[in-house]
PDB file of N, CA and C in Angstrom:
ATOM      1  N   UNK A   1      95.147 116.570 110.716  1.00  0.00           N
ATOM      2  CA  UNK A   1      94.543 116.637 109.397  1.00  0.00           C
ATOM      3  C   UNK A   1      93.675 115.394 109.190  1.00  0.00           C
ATOM      4  N   UNK A   2      92.477 115.581 108.687  1.00  0.00           N
ATOM      5  CA  UNK A   2      91.521 114.479 108.549  1.00  0.00           C
ATOM      6  C   UNK A   2      92.003 113.433 107.538  1.00  0.00           C
ATOM      7  N   UNK A   3      92.673 113.850 106.466  1.00  0.00           N
ATOM      8  CA  UNK A   3      93.151 112.891 105.461  1.00  0.00           C
ATOM      9  C   UNK A   3      94.161 111.938 106.087  1.00  0.00           C
ATOM     10  N   UNK A   4      95.069 112.469 106.853  1.00  0.00           N
ATOM     11  CA  UNK A   4      96.063 111.615 107.519  1.00  0.00           C
ATOM     12  C   UNK A   4      95.374 110.640 108.457  1.00  0.00           C
ATOM     13  N   UNK A   5      94.434 111.142 109.234  1.00  0.00           N
ATOM     14  CA  UNK A   5      93.730 110.276 110.185  1.00  0.00           C
ATOM     15  C   UNK A   5      92.974 109.167 109.466  1.00  0.00           C
ATOM     16  N   UNK A   6      92.300 109.495 108.371  1.00  0.00           N
ATOM     17  CA  UNK A   6      91.485 108.516 107.663  1.00  0.00           C
ATOM     18  C   UNK A   6      92.303 107.480 106.904  1.00  0.00           C
ATOM     19  N   UNK A   7      93.433 107.893 106.324  1.00  0.00           N
ATOM     20  CA  UNK A   7      94.153 107.008 105.426  1.00  0.00           C
ATOM     21  C   UNK A   7      95.465 106.455 105.957  1.00  0.00           C
ATOM     22  N   UNK A   8      96.015 107.016 106.993  1.00  0.00           N
ATOM     23  CA  UNK A   8      97.338 106.591 107.420  1.00  0.00           C
ATOM     24  C   UNK A   8      97.407 106.033 108.835  1.00  0.00           C
ATOM     25  N   UNK A   9      96.521 106.441 109.714  1.00  0.00           N
ATOM     26  CA  UNK A   9      96.615 105.989 111.103  1.00  0.00           C
ATOM     27  C   UNK A   9      96.391 104.489 111.242  1.00  0.00           C
ATOM     28  N   UNK A  10      95.375 103.949 110.619  1.00  0.00           N
ATOM     29  CA  UNK A  10      95.093 102.513 110.762  1.00  0.00           C
ATOM     30  C   UNK A  10      96.226 101.657 110.208  1.00  0.00           C
ATOM     31  N   UNK A  11      96.689 101.868 108.978  1.00  0.00           N
ATOM     32  CA  UNK A  11      97.807 101.056 108.502  1.00  0.00           C
ATOM     33  C   UNK A  11      99.029 101.164 109.411  1.00  0.00           C
ATOM     34  N   UNK A  12      99.337 102.342 109.878  1.00  0.00           N
ATOM     35  CA  UNK A  12     100.493 102.536 110.758  1.00  0.00           C
ATOM     36  C   UNK A  12     100.310 101.787 112.071  1.00  0.00           C
ATOM     37  N   UNK A  13      99.080 101.684 112.553  1.00  0.00           N
ATOM     38  CA  UNK A  13      98.833 101.015 113.829  1.00  0.00           C
ATOM     39  C   UNK A  13      99.103  99.521 113.761  1.00  0.00           C
ATOM     40  N   UNK A  14      99.110  98.951 112.560  1.00  0.00           N
ATOM     41  CA  UNK A  14      99.421  97.527 112.392  1.00  0.00           C
ATOM     42  C   UNK A  14     100.761  97.318 111.699  1.00  0.00           C
ATOM     43  N   UNK A  15     101.555  98.382 111.622  1.00  0.00           N
ATOM     44  CA  UNK A  15     102.908  98.274 111.078  1.00  0.00           C
ATOM     45  C   UNK A  15     102.970  98.141 109.569  1.00  0.00           C
ATOM     46  N   UNK A  16     102.036  98.725 108.848  1.00  0.00           N
ATOM     47  CA  UNK A  16     102.011  98.644 107.385  1.00  0.00           C
ATOM     48  C   UNK A  16     101.961 100.042 106.787  1.00  0.00           C
ATOM     49  N   UNK A  17     102.406 100.133 105.534  1.00  0.00           N
ATOM     50  CA  UNK A  17     102.210 101.367 104.792  1.00  0.00           C
ATOM     51  C   UNK A  17     100.790 101.333 104.223  1.00  0.00           C
ATOM     52  N   UNK A  18     100.366 102.453 103.633  1.00  0.00           N
ATOM     53  CA  UNK A  18      99.038 102.497 103.024  1.00  0.00           C
ATOM     54  C   UNK A  18      98.928 101.432 101.929  1.00  0.00           C
ATOM     55  N   UNK A  19      99.940 101.339 101.070  1.00  0.00           N
ATOM     56  CA  UNK A  19      99.912 100.372  99.971  1.00  0.00           C
ATOM     57  C   UNK A  19      99.879  98.929 100.453  1.00  0.00           C
ATOM     58  N   UNK A  20     100.666  98.613 101.478  1.00  0.00           N
ATOM     59  CA  UNK A  20     100.666  97.255 102.021  1.00  0.00           C
ATOM     60  C   UNK A  20      99.299  96.909 102.595  1.00  0.00           C
ATOM     61  N   UNK A  21      98.708  97.842 103.318  1.00  0.00           N
ATOM     62  CA  UNK A  21      97.391  97.613 103.900  1.00  0.00           C
ATOM     63  C   UNK A  21      96.333  97.457 102.807  1.00  0.00           C
ATOM     64  N   UNK A  22      96.438  98.260 101.771  1.00  0.00           N
ATOM     65  CA  UNK A  22      95.508  98.172 100.641  1.00  0.00           C
ATOM     66  C   UNK A  22      95.588  96.803  99.980  1.00  0.00           C
ATOM     67  N   UNK A  23      96.809  96.345  99.685  1.00  0.00           N
ATOM     68  CA  UNK A  23      96.968  95.039  99.042  1.00  0.00           C
ATOM     69  C   UNK A  23      96.411  93.916  99.916  1.00  0.00           C
ATOM     70  N   UNK A  24      96.700  93.973 101.211  1.00  0.00           N
ATOM     71  CA  UNK A  24      96.198  92.942 102.116  1.00  0.00           C
ATOM     72  C   UNK A  24      94.672  92.946 102.158  1.00  0.00           C
ATOM     73  N   UNK A  25      94.078  94.112 102.324  1.00  0.00           N
ATOM     74  CA  UNK A  25      92.621  94.212 102.431  1.00  0.00           C
ATOM     75  C   UNK A  25      91.932  93.790 101.133  1.00  0.00           C
ATOM     76  N   UNK A  26      92.484  94.168  99.992  1.00  0.00           N
ATOM     77  CA  UNK A  26      91.907  93.763  98.703  1.00  0.00           C
ATOM     78  C   UNK A  26      92.025  92.252  98.529  1.00  0.00           C
ATOM     79  N   UNK A  27      93.123  91.678  98.969  1.00  0.00           N
ATOM     80  CA  UNK A  27      93.287  90.219  98.886  1.00  0.00           C
ATOM     81  C   UNK A  27      92.252  89.487  99.719  1.00  0.00           C
ATOM     82  N   UNK A  28      92.052  89.947 100.943  1.00  0.00           N
ATOM     83  CA  UNK A  28      91.045  89.318 101.813  1.00  0.00           C
ATOM     84  C   UNK A  28      89.649  89.502 101.221  1.00  0.00           C
ATOM     85  N   UNK A  29      89.345  90.711 100.763  1.00  0.00           N
ATOM     86  CA  UNK A  29      88.025  90.972 100.169  1.00  0.00           C
ATOM     87  C   UNK A  29      87.789  90.129  98.929  1.00  0.00           C
ATOM     88  N   UNK A  30      88.817  89.982  98.096  1.00  0.00           N
ATOM     89  CA  UNK A  30      88.701  89.155  96.895  1.00  0.00           C
ATOM     90  C   UNK A  30      88.447  87.695  97.237  1.00  0.00           C
ATOM     91  N   UNK A  31      89.145  87.200  98.252  1.00  0.00           N
ATOM     92  CA  UNK A  31      88.944  85.814  98.681  1.00  0.00           C
ATOM     93  C   UNK A  31      87.524  85.609  99.194  1.00  0.00           C
ATOM     94  N   UNK A  32      87.003  86.585  99.931  1.00  0.00           N
ATOM     95  CA  UNK A  32      85.634  86.469 100.434  1.00  0.00           C
ATOM     96  C   UNK A  32      84.622  86.517  99.294  1.00  0.00           C
ATOM     97  N   UNK A  33      84.859  87.359  98.282  1.00  0.00           N
ATOM     98  CA  UNK A  33      83.931  87.410  97.137  1.00  0.00           C
ATOM     99  C   UNK A  33      83.969  86.101  96.357  1.00  0.00           C
ATOM    100  N   UNK A  34      85.160  85.522  96.181  1.00  0.00           N
ATOM    101  CA  UNK A  34      85.266  84.239  95.488  1.00  0.00           C
ATOM    102  C   UNK A  34      84.534  83.147  96.262  1.00  0.00           C
ATOM    103  N   UNK A  35      84.694  83.125  97.578  1.00  0.00           N
ATOM    104  CA  UNK A  35      83.998  82.138  98.399  1.00  0.00           C
ATOM    105  C   UNK A  35      82.484  82.323  98.292  1.00  0.00           C
ATOM    106  N   UNK A  36      82.024  83.569  98.264  1.00  0.00           N
ATOM    107  CA  UNK A  36      80.595  83.831  98.106  1.00  0.00           C
ATOM    108  C   UNK A  36      80.075  83.346  96.761  1.00  0.00           C
ATOM    109  N   UNK A  37      80.857  83.576  95.717  1.00  0.00           N
ATOM    110  CA  UNK A  37      80.472  83.096  94.387  1.00  0.00           C
ATOM    111  C   UNK A  37      80.411  81.578  94.361  1.00  0.00           C
ATOM    112  N   UNK A  38      81.399  80.921  94.967  1.00  0.00           N
ATOM    113  CA  UNK A  38      81.397  79.462  95.013  1.00  0.00           C
ATOM    114  C   UNK A  38      80.183  78.939  95.773  1.00  0.00           C
ATOM    115  N   UNK A  39      79.838  79.585  96.871  1.00  0.00           N
ATOM    116  CA  UNK A  39      78.657  79.172  97.638  1.00  0.00           C
ATOM    117  C   UNK A  39      77.379  79.353  96.847  1.00  0.00           C
ATOM    118  N   UNK A  40      77.292  80.454  96.117  1.00  0.00           N
ATOM    119  CA  UNK A  40      76.105  80.703  95.301  1.00  0.00           C
ATOM    120  C   UNK A  40      75.987  79.681  94.173  1.00  0.00           C
ATOM    121  N   UNK A  41      77.089  79.382  93.517  1.00  0.00           N
ATOM    122  CA  UNK A  41      77.063  78.379  92.451  1.00  0.00           C
ATOM    123  C   UNK A  41      76.708  77.014  93.011  1.00  0.00           C
ATOM    124  N   UNK A  42      77.242  76.691  94.190  1.00  0.00           N
ATOM    125  CA  UNK A  42      76.929  75.391  94.804  1.00  0.00           C
ATOM    126  C   UNK A  42      75.444  75.316  95.159  1.00  0.00           C
ATOM    127  N   UNK A  43      74.838  76.420  95.558  1.00  0.00           N
ATOM    128  CA  UNK A  43      73.418  76.411  95.887  1.00  0.00           C
ATOM    129  C   UNK A  43      72.588  76.090  94.643  1.00  0.00           C
ATOM    130  N   UNK A  44      73.016  76.597  93.486  1.00  0.00           N
ATOM    131  CA  UNK A  44      72.263  76.369  92.247  1.00  0.00           C
ATOM    132  C   UNK A  44      72.624  75.049  91.592  1.00  0.00           C
ATOM    133  N   UNK A  45      73.879  74.619  91.748  1.00  0.00           N
ATOM    134  CA  UNK A  45      74.372  73.391  91.132  1.00  0.00           C
ATOM    135  C   UNK A  45      75.024  72.528  92.209  1.00  0.00           C
ATOM    136  N   UNK A  46      74.250  71.789  92.979  1.00  0.00           N
ATOM    137  CA  UNK A  46      74.789  71.115  94.160  1.00  0.00           C
ATOM    138  C   UNK A  46      75.649  69.878  93.898  1.00  0.00           C
ATOM    139  N   UNK A  47      75.869  69.502  92.654  1.00  0.00           N
ATOM    140  CA  UNK A  47      76.684  68.313  92.378  1.00  0.00           C
ATOM    141  C   UNK A  47      78.165  68.584  92.517  1.00  0.00           C
TER     142      UNK A  47
END
């Protein structure tokens, strides 16, 4: 089934449930967005 393949195979391959994988990925993505915002602010306000 395509839904299982798309949403469950990858998390299972790293020993996580869908929810655990979602939380981890959102955390990493959020950290990267915050770092990007900090870099952008530093470019405009270098002090």
